[in-house]
N, C-alpha and C. Protein backbone atom coordinates (compact mmCIF):
# COMPACT_ATOMS: atom_id res chain seq x y z
N UNK A 1 6.20 -1.45 -16.59
CA UNK A 1 6.15 -2.88 -16.73
C UNK A 1 7.56 -3.34 -17.14
N UNK A 2 7.93 -4.54 -16.69
CA UNK A 2 9.25 -5.08 -16.97
C UNK A 2 9.13 -6.43 -17.69
N UNK A 3 10.11 -6.71 -18.52
CA UNK A 3 10.14 -7.97 -19.27
C UNK A 3 10.31 -9.14 -18.30
N UNK A 4 9.50 -10.18 -18.49
CA UNK A 4 9.60 -11.37 -17.65
C UNK A 4 10.86 -12.16 -17.93
N UNK A 5 11.46 -11.97 -19.10
CA UNK A 5 12.64 -12.75 -19.49
C UNK A 5 13.95 -12.06 -19.12
N UNK A 6 14.11 -10.78 -19.52
CA UNK A 6 15.40 -10.10 -19.31
C UNK A 6 15.34 -8.97 -18.29
N UNK A 7 14.16 -8.56 -17.88
CA UNK A 7 14.02 -7.53 -16.86
C UNK A 7 14.07 -6.10 -17.36
N UNK A 8 14.14 -5.90 -18.66
CA UNK A 8 14.18 -4.56 -19.24
C UNK A 8 12.83 -3.88 -19.07
N UNK A 9 12.86 -2.58 -18.79
CA UNK A 9 11.60 -1.84 -18.67
C UNK A 9 10.95 -1.71 -20.04
N UNK A 10 9.64 -1.96 -20.09
CA UNK A 10 8.88 -1.92 -21.33
C UNK A 10 7.80 -0.86 -21.19
N UNK A 11 7.64 -0.03 -22.20
CA UNK A 11 6.57 0.97 -22.20
C UNK A 11 5.22 0.26 -22.20
N UNK A 12 4.23 0.89 -21.57
CA UNK A 12 2.90 0.28 -21.43
C UNK A 12 2.29 -0.09 -22.78
N UNK A 13 2.57 0.68 -23.80
CA UNK A 13 1.93 0.46 -25.10
C UNK A 13 2.60 -0.64 -25.93
N UNK A 14 3.79 -1.07 -25.55
CA UNK A 14 4.52 -2.08 -26.32
C UNK A 14 4.03 -3.49 -26.01
N UNK A 15 3.95 -4.32 -27.05
CA UNK A 15 3.54 -5.71 -26.88
C UNK A 15 4.72 -6.67 -26.81
N UNK A 16 5.93 -6.13 -27.12
CA UNK A 16 7.13 -6.95 -27.11
C UNK A 16 8.26 -6.18 -26.44
N UNK A 17 9.18 -6.90 -25.83
CA UNK A 17 10.36 -6.31 -25.22
C UNK A 17 11.29 -5.83 -26.34
N UNK A 18 11.77 -4.60 -26.25
CA UNK A 18 12.66 -4.04 -27.28
C UNK A 18 14.03 -4.71 -27.25
N UNK A 19 14.43 -5.25 -26.11
CA UNK A 19 15.77 -5.85 -25.99
C UNK A 19 15.80 -7.31 -26.45
N UNK A 20 14.87 -8.13 -25.95
CA UNK A 20 14.94 -9.57 -26.25
C UNK A 20 13.79 -10.08 -27.12
N UNK A 21 12.77 -9.25 -27.36
CA UNK A 21 11.67 -9.67 -28.22
C UNK A 21 10.59 -10.50 -27.54
N UNK A 22 10.71 -10.71 -26.25
CA UNK A 22 9.73 -11.49 -25.49
C UNK A 22 8.37 -10.79 -25.53
N UNK A 23 7.28 -11.54 -25.86
CA UNK A 23 5.95 -10.91 -25.81
C UNK A 23 5.61 -10.53 -24.37
N UNK A 24 4.95 -9.39 -24.21
CA UNK A 24 4.65 -8.92 -22.86
C UNK A 24 3.51 -9.72 -22.25
N UNK A 25 2.44 -9.88 -22.99
CA UNK A 25 1.22 -10.53 -22.48
C UNK A 25 1.23 -10.67 -20.96
N UNK A 26 1.55 -9.56 -20.30
CA UNK A 26 1.57 -9.54 -18.84
C UNK A 26 0.14 -9.61 -18.32
N UNK A 27 -0.06 -10.35 -17.26
CA UNK A 27 -1.42 -10.44 -16.71
C UNK A 27 -1.86 -9.10 -16.15
N UNK A 28 -3.13 -8.83 -16.29
CA UNK A 28 -3.71 -7.63 -15.69
C UNK A 28 -4.79 -8.07 -14.73
N UNK A 29 -4.97 -7.26 -13.71
CA UNK A 29 -5.99 -7.54 -12.70
C UNK A 29 -6.89 -6.32 -12.64
N UNK A 30 -8.18 -6.56 -12.57
CA UNK A 30 -9.11 -5.46 -12.61
C UNK A 30 -9.93 -5.41 -11.33
N UNK A 31 -10.10 -4.18 -10.84
CA UNK A 31 -10.97 -3.94 -9.69
C UNK A 31 -11.70 -2.64 -9.94
N UNK A 32 -13.01 -2.72 -9.99
CA UNK A 32 -13.86 -1.55 -10.24
C UNK A 32 -13.38 -0.75 -11.44
N UNK A 33 -13.21 -1.40 -12.55
CA UNK A 33 -12.85 -0.82 -13.84
C UNK A 33 -11.48 -0.15 -13.86
N UNK A 34 -10.64 -0.43 -12.87
CA UNK A 34 -9.26 0.04 -12.88
C UNK A 34 -8.38 -1.18 -13.10
N UNK A 35 -7.48 -1.07 -14.07
CA UNK A 35 -6.62 -2.19 -14.42
C UNK A 35 -5.28 -2.03 -13.69
N UNK A 36 -4.84 -3.12 -13.07
CA UNK A 36 -3.57 -3.14 -12.34
C UNK A 36 -2.65 -4.17 -12.97
N UNK A 37 -1.39 -3.80 -13.12
CA UNK A 37 -0.36 -4.73 -13.56
C UNK A 37 0.16 -5.49 -12.33
N UNK A 38 0.95 -6.50 -12.58
CA UNK A 38 1.56 -7.28 -11.50
C UNK A 38 2.35 -6.38 -10.55
N UNK A 39 3.11 -5.45 -11.09
CA UNK A 39 3.92 -4.55 -10.27
C UNK A 39 3.05 -3.70 -9.35
N UNK A 40 1.88 -3.28 -9.85
CA UNK A 40 0.95 -2.49 -9.04
C UNK A 40 0.46 -3.30 -7.85
N UNK A 41 0.12 -4.55 -8.09
CA UNK A 41 -0.38 -5.42 -7.03
C UNK A 41 0.71 -5.64 -5.98
N UNK A 42 1.94 -5.83 -6.42
CA UNK A 42 3.04 -6.02 -5.48
C UNK A 42 3.24 -4.78 -4.62
N UNK A 43 3.16 -3.59 -5.23
CA UNK A 43 3.28 -2.35 -4.47
C UNK A 43 2.14 -2.20 -3.48
N UNK A 44 0.93 -2.52 -3.90
CA UNK A 44 -0.22 -2.42 -2.99
C UNK A 44 -0.02 -3.33 -1.79
N UNK A 45 0.45 -4.55 -2.02
CA UNK A 45 0.69 -5.48 -0.92
C UNK A 45 1.75 -4.94 0.04
N UNK A 46 2.82 -4.39 -0.50
CA UNK A 46 3.91 -3.84 0.32
C UNK A 46 3.44 -2.65 1.14
N UNK A 47 2.78 -1.70 0.49
CA UNK A 47 2.35 -0.49 1.20
C UNK A 47 1.20 -0.76 2.16
N UNK A 48 0.39 -1.78 1.87
CA UNK A 48 -0.66 -2.13 2.82
C UNK A 48 -0.05 -2.62 4.12
N UNK A 49 1.01 -3.40 4.05
CA UNK A 49 1.69 -3.87 5.26
C UNK A 49 2.23 -2.68 6.05
N UNK A 50 2.82 -1.72 5.36
CA UNK A 50 3.31 -0.52 6.04
C UNK A 50 2.15 0.20 6.73
N UNK A 51 1.03 0.32 6.02
CA UNK A 51 -0.12 1.02 6.58
C UNK A 51 -0.67 0.30 7.81
N UNK A 52 -0.70 -1.01 7.78
CA UNK A 52 -1.17 -1.78 8.92
C UNK A 52 -0.28 -1.54 10.14
N UNK A 53 1.04 -1.50 9.94
CA UNK A 53 1.94 -1.18 11.04
C UNK A 53 1.65 0.22 11.59
N UNK A 54 1.42 1.16 10.70
CA UNK A 54 1.07 2.52 11.13
C UNK A 54 -0.21 2.56 11.94
N UNK A 55 -1.21 1.79 11.52
CA UNK A 55 -2.48 1.73 12.26
C UNK A 55 -2.26 1.13 13.64
N UNK A 56 -1.51 0.04 13.71
CA UNK A 56 -1.25 -0.59 15.02
C UNK A 56 -0.52 0.35 15.97
N UNK A 57 0.52 1.02 15.46
CA UNK A 57 1.25 1.97 16.31
C UNK A 57 0.36 3.13 16.72
N UNK A 58 -0.52 3.58 15.84
CA UNK A 58 -1.46 4.65 16.17
C UNK A 58 -2.36 4.23 17.32
N UNK A 59 -2.88 3.02 17.25
CA UNK A 59 -3.76 2.51 18.31
C UNK A 59 -3.01 2.38 19.63
N UNK A 60 -1.77 1.95 19.57
CA UNK A 60 -0.98 1.76 20.80
C UNK A 60 -0.53 3.11 21.38
N UNK A 61 -0.10 4.03 20.54
CA UNK A 61 0.50 5.27 21.03
C UNK A 61 -0.50 6.33 21.45
N UNK A 62 -1.68 6.36 20.86
CA UNK A 62 -2.63 7.42 21.17
C UNK A 62 -2.98 7.48 22.66
N UNK A 63 -3.29 6.37 23.33
CA UNK A 63 -3.58 6.48 24.77
C UNK A 63 -2.35 6.87 25.60
N UNK A 64 -1.16 6.47 25.16
CA UNK A 64 0.06 6.77 25.92
C UNK A 64 0.39 8.26 25.91
N UNK A 65 -0.06 8.98 24.90
CA UNK A 65 0.20 10.41 24.82
C UNK A 65 -0.47 11.15 25.97
N UNK A 66 -1.54 10.60 26.50
CA UNK A 66 -2.30 11.27 27.56
C UNK A 66 -1.77 10.98 28.96
N UNK A 67 -0.80 10.08 29.08
CA UNK A 67 -0.21 9.77 30.39
C UNK A 67 0.84 10.83 30.70
N UNK A 68 0.76 11.48 31.88
CA UNK A 68 1.73 12.53 32.19
C UNK A 68 3.12 11.96 32.50
N UNK A 69 4.14 12.81 32.34
CA UNK A 69 5.50 12.43 32.71
C UNK A 69 6.34 12.02 31.51
N UNK A 70 7.36 11.24 31.79
CA UNK A 70 8.32 10.83 30.77
C UNK A 70 7.68 9.95 29.70
N UNK A 71 6.68 9.16 30.09
CA UNK A 71 5.98 8.31 29.12
C UNK A 71 5.31 9.20 28.07
N UNK A 72 4.75 10.31 28.52
CA UNK A 72 4.09 11.24 27.61
C UNK A 72 5.07 11.82 26.60
N UNK A 73 6.24 12.21 27.05
CA UNK A 73 7.23 12.81 26.17
C UNK A 73 7.69 11.81 25.11
N UNK A 74 8.02 10.62 25.55
CA UNK A 74 8.46 9.58 24.61
C UNK A 74 7.32 9.19 23.66
N UNK A 75 6.13 9.01 24.22
CA UNK A 75 4.98 8.62 23.40
C UNK A 75 4.64 9.71 22.38
N UNK A 76 4.77 10.97 22.78
CA UNK A 76 4.49 12.07 21.85
C UNK A 76 5.47 12.06 20.69
N UNK A 77 6.75 11.86 20.99
CA UNK A 77 7.75 11.78 19.93
C UNK A 77 7.44 10.61 18.99
N UNK A 78 7.17 9.45 19.55
CA UNK A 78 6.87 8.27 18.74
C UNK A 78 5.58 8.46 17.94
N UNK A 79 4.60 9.13 18.55
CA UNK A 79 3.33 9.40 17.89
C UNK A 79 3.56 10.22 16.62
N UNK A 80 4.36 11.27 16.72
CA UNK A 80 4.60 12.12 15.55
C UNK A 80 5.49 11.44 14.52
N UNK A 81 6.43 10.62 14.97
CA UNK A 81 7.23 9.83 14.03
C UNK A 81 6.32 8.86 13.27
N UNK A 82 5.38 8.25 14.00
CA UNK A 82 4.43 7.34 13.36
C UNK A 82 3.51 8.10 12.41
N UNK A 83 3.16 9.32 12.77
CA UNK A 83 2.31 10.15 11.91
C UNK A 83 2.97 10.33 10.54
N UNK A 84 4.25 10.67 10.54
CA UNK A 84 4.99 10.81 9.29
C UNK A 84 5.01 9.48 8.53
N UNK A 85 5.23 8.39 9.27
CA UNK A 85 5.30 7.06 8.66
C UNK A 85 3.97 6.70 8.00
N UNK A 86 2.86 6.83 8.73
CA UNK A 86 1.61 6.35 8.13
C UNK A 86 1.06 7.31 7.08
N UNK A 87 1.41 8.58 7.13
CA UNK A 87 1.01 9.47 6.04
C UNK A 87 1.78 9.11 4.77
N UNK A 88 3.06 8.80 4.93
CA UNK A 88 3.86 8.35 3.78
C UNK A 88 3.29 7.05 3.20
N UNK A 89 3.03 6.07 4.08
CA UNK A 89 2.46 4.79 3.62
C UNK A 89 1.11 5.01 2.95
N UNK A 90 0.30 5.89 3.52
CA UNK A 90 -1.01 6.20 2.97
C UNK A 90 -0.89 6.76 1.56
N UNK A 91 -0.01 7.75 1.37
CA UNK A 91 0.14 8.38 0.05
C UNK A 91 0.70 7.38 -0.98
N UNK A 92 1.66 6.57 -0.57
CA UNK A 92 2.21 5.56 -1.49
C UNK A 92 1.14 4.53 -1.86
N UNK A 93 0.35 4.10 -0.88
CA UNK A 93 -0.70 3.12 -1.15
C UNK A 93 -1.77 3.69 -2.06
N UNK A 94 -2.19 4.93 -1.81
CA UNK A 94 -3.20 5.56 -2.67
C UNK A 94 -2.68 5.71 -4.10
N UNK A 95 -1.38 6.02 -4.24
CA UNK A 95 -0.78 6.13 -5.57
C UNK A 95 -0.75 4.77 -6.25
N UNK A 96 -0.38 3.72 -5.52
CA UNK A 96 -0.35 2.38 -6.10
C UNK A 96 -1.75 1.91 -6.48
N UNK A 97 -2.76 2.37 -5.73
CA UNK A 97 -4.14 2.00 -6.03
C UNK A 97 -4.73 2.85 -7.14
N UNK A 98 -3.94 3.80 -7.66
CA UNK A 98 -4.36 4.70 -8.72
C UNK A 98 -5.52 5.58 -8.28
N UNK A 99 -5.41 6.05 -7.02
CA UNK A 99 -6.43 6.93 -6.46
C UNK A 99 -6.27 8.35 -6.98
N UNK A 100 -7.34 9.11 -6.94
CA UNK A 100 -7.35 10.50 -7.37
C UNK A 100 -6.39 11.30 -6.49
N UNK A 101 -5.49 12.05 -7.11
CA UNK A 101 -4.46 12.78 -6.36
C UNK A 101 -5.07 13.88 -5.49
N UNK A 102 -6.11 14.55 -5.96
CA UNK A 102 -6.73 15.61 -5.17
C UNK A 102 -7.37 15.02 -3.90
N UNK A 103 -8.04 13.90 -4.05
CA UNK A 103 -8.65 13.24 -2.89
C UNK A 103 -7.56 12.76 -1.94
N UNK A 104 -6.47 12.25 -2.48
CA UNK A 104 -5.36 11.78 -1.65
C UNK A 104 -4.79 12.93 -0.82
N UNK A 105 -4.60 14.09 -1.42
CA UNK A 105 -4.06 15.25 -0.70
C UNK A 105 -5.01 15.70 0.40
N UNK A 106 -6.30 15.77 0.10
CA UNK A 106 -7.28 16.19 1.11
C UNK A 106 -7.31 15.19 2.26
N UNK A 107 -7.32 13.91 1.95
CA UNK A 107 -7.33 12.89 3.00
C UNK A 107 -6.04 12.90 3.80
N UNK A 108 -4.92 13.19 3.15
CA UNK A 108 -3.64 13.25 3.87
C UNK A 108 -3.67 14.37 4.91
N UNK A 109 -4.29 15.48 4.60
CA UNK A 109 -4.42 16.56 5.60
C UNK A 109 -5.33 16.14 6.74
N UNK A 110 -6.37 15.39 6.43
CA UNK A 110 -7.29 14.92 7.47
C UNK A 110 -6.64 13.88 8.39
N UNK A 111 -5.54 13.29 7.96
CA UNK A 111 -4.85 12.29 8.80
C UNK A 111 -4.23 12.91 10.05
N UNK A 112 -4.19 14.22 10.13
CA UNK A 112 -3.68 14.88 11.34
C UNK A 112 -4.71 14.87 12.47
N UNK A 113 -5.93 14.50 12.19
CA UNK A 113 -6.98 14.42 13.21
C UNK A 113 -7.07 12.99 13.73
N UNK A 114 -6.83 12.76 15.03
CA UNK A 114 -6.67 11.40 15.56
C UNK A 114 -7.76 10.38 15.18
N UNK A 115 -9.01 10.60 15.53
CA UNK A 115 -10.02 9.58 15.24
C UNK A 115 -10.36 9.53 13.76
N UNK A 116 -10.33 10.68 13.11
CA UNK A 116 -10.60 10.73 11.67
C UNK A 116 -9.52 9.94 10.93
N UNK A 117 -8.26 10.09 11.38
CA UNK A 117 -7.16 9.38 10.71
C UNK A 117 -7.35 7.88 10.80
N UNK A 118 -7.76 7.39 11.95
CA UNK A 118 -7.96 5.95 12.10
C UNK A 118 -9.03 5.45 11.14
N UNK A 119 -10.11 6.18 11.03
CA UNK A 119 -11.19 5.80 10.11
C UNK A 119 -10.70 5.79 8.66
N UNK A 120 -9.99 6.85 8.25
CA UNK A 120 -9.48 6.94 6.88
C UNK A 120 -8.52 5.79 6.59
N UNK A 121 -7.62 5.53 7.52
CA UNK A 121 -6.63 4.47 7.33
C UNK A 121 -7.30 3.11 7.21
N UNK A 122 -8.32 2.86 8.00
CA UNK A 122 -9.03 1.58 7.94
C UNK A 122 -9.78 1.42 6.62
N UNK A 123 -10.36 2.50 6.12
CA UNK A 123 -11.09 2.45 4.85
C UNK A 123 -10.11 2.20 3.69
N UNK A 124 -8.98 2.89 3.70
CA UNK A 124 -7.99 2.70 2.63
C UNK A 124 -7.40 1.28 2.71
N UNK A 125 -7.19 0.78 3.92
CA UNK A 125 -6.71 -0.59 4.10
C UNK A 125 -7.72 -1.60 3.53
N UNK A 126 -9.00 -1.35 3.77
CA UNK A 126 -10.03 -2.24 3.24
C UNK A 126 -10.03 -2.22 1.71
N UNK A 127 -9.82 -1.04 1.13
CA UNK A 127 -9.73 -0.95 -0.33
C UNK A 127 -8.55 -1.74 -0.88
N UNK A 128 -7.42 -1.65 -0.18
CA UNK A 128 -6.24 -2.42 -0.60
C UNK A 128 -6.52 -3.92 -0.50
N UNK A 129 -7.18 -4.32 0.57
CA UNK A 129 -7.53 -5.73 0.74
C UNK A 129 -8.41 -6.21 -0.41
N UNK A 130 -9.39 -5.42 -0.80
CA UNK A 130 -10.28 -5.80 -1.91
C UNK A 130 -9.52 -5.94 -3.22
N UNK A 131 -8.59 -5.04 -3.48
CA UNK A 131 -7.80 -5.12 -4.71
C UNK A 131 -6.91 -6.35 -4.71
N UNK A 132 -6.29 -6.64 -3.57
CA UNK A 132 -5.42 -7.81 -3.49
C UNK A 132 -6.20 -9.11 -3.62
N UNK A 133 -7.39 -9.15 -3.04
CA UNK A 133 -8.24 -10.33 -3.18
C UNK A 133 -8.68 -10.51 -4.63
N UNK A 134 -8.95 -9.40 -5.32
CA UNK A 134 -9.34 -9.47 -6.73
C UNK A 134 -8.20 -10.04 -7.58
N UNK A 135 -6.95 -9.86 -7.12
CA UNK A 135 -5.80 -10.41 -7.83
C UNK A 135 -5.52 -11.85 -7.42
N UNK A 136 -6.32 -12.38 -6.49
CA UNK A 136 -6.18 -13.78 -6.10
C UNK A 136 -5.25 -14.02 -4.92
N UNK A 137 -4.89 -12.98 -4.20
CA UNK A 137 -4.00 -13.14 -3.05
C UNK A 137 -4.81 -13.35 -1.77
N UNK A 138 -4.23 -14.12 -0.86
CA UNK A 138 -4.85 -14.31 0.45
C UNK A 138 -4.34 -13.22 1.39
N UNK A 139 -5.25 -12.64 2.15
CA UNK A 139 -4.89 -11.55 3.05
C UNK A 139 -5.03 -12.03 4.49
N UNK A 140 -3.97 -11.83 5.26
CA UNK A 140 -4.00 -12.17 6.68
C UNK A 140 -4.12 -10.92 7.52
N UNK A 141 -3.88 -11.07 8.81
CA UNK A 141 -4.00 -9.95 9.73
C UNK A 141 -3.03 -8.82 9.38
N UNK A 142 -1.83 -9.16 8.94
CA UNK A 142 -0.82 -8.15 8.61
C UNK A 142 -0.66 -7.99 7.10
N UNK A 143 -1.67 -8.33 6.34
CA UNK A 143 -1.60 -8.19 4.89
C UNK A 143 -1.20 -9.50 4.23
N UNK A 144 -0.59 -9.40 3.08
CA UNK A 144 -0.14 -10.58 2.33
C UNK A 144 1.17 -11.06 2.93
N UNK A 145 1.27 -12.36 3.18
CA UNK A 145 2.51 -12.90 3.73
C UNK A 145 3.59 -12.94 2.64
N UNK A 146 4.85 -12.92 3.05
CA UNK A 146 5.95 -12.96 2.08
C UNK A 146 5.92 -14.21 1.20
N UNK A 147 5.66 -15.41 1.75
CA UNK A 147 5.60 -16.59 0.87
C UNK A 147 4.49 -16.48 -0.18
N UNK A 148 3.33 -15.94 0.22
CA UNK A 148 2.24 -15.77 -0.75
C UNK A 148 2.60 -14.75 -1.82
N UNK A 149 3.28 -13.68 -1.41
CA UNK A 149 3.68 -12.66 -2.36
C UNK A 149 4.76 -13.19 -3.30
N UNK A 150 5.69 -13.98 -2.78
CA UNK A 150 6.72 -14.60 -3.63
C UNK A 150 6.09 -15.55 -4.64
N UNK A 151 5.10 -16.32 -4.19
CA UNK A 151 4.40 -17.23 -5.09
C UNK A 151 3.68 -16.45 -6.19
N UNK A 152 3.08 -15.32 -5.83
CA UNK A 152 2.40 -14.46 -6.79
C UNK A 152 3.40 -13.93 -7.82
N UNK A 153 4.58 -13.47 -7.33
CA UNK A 153 5.61 -12.94 -8.24
C UNK A 153 6.06 -13.99 -9.24
N UNK A 154 6.24 -15.23 -8.77
CA UNK A 154 6.71 -16.31 -9.64
C UNK A 154 5.63 -16.82 -10.58
N UNK A 155 4.37 -16.72 -10.13
CA UNK A 155 3.25 -17.23 -10.91
C UNK A 155 2.98 -16.37 -12.14
N UNK A 156 3.12 -15.07 -11.97
CA UNK A 156 2.80 -14.16 -13.06
C UNK A 156 4.02 -13.54 -13.62
């Protein structure tokens, strides 16, 4: 957590900033008995957008991999690059959502299976959407828009 006044990092247990004395009274957001700070919500919004891009590229690239010829070679390369991208986004999002690390590792291995990966990614995306809505953010097709996220940052 960071001080709203001077930006100094504050330990979770402190009620005041050690540098400027500003009270923390930072807002917390709760979803299913898990408490999220403002920074957690911002990370969830950011990583959800990354995950949505990974899902879209997965949907676009999967059929192209089956086309023979040069399209197949290029699509295969892009498919595996996207695989690395969405696994990274998935792990970062699960961490921001305070998900169980063992479950995250197991699910990350399952992301190598094409249809299973799409299902897992959609479920994790839905969880991120629920957490962001619980924090009062509006969610669009590509996640939280930058103006809405900026308003959230300034509001809290």
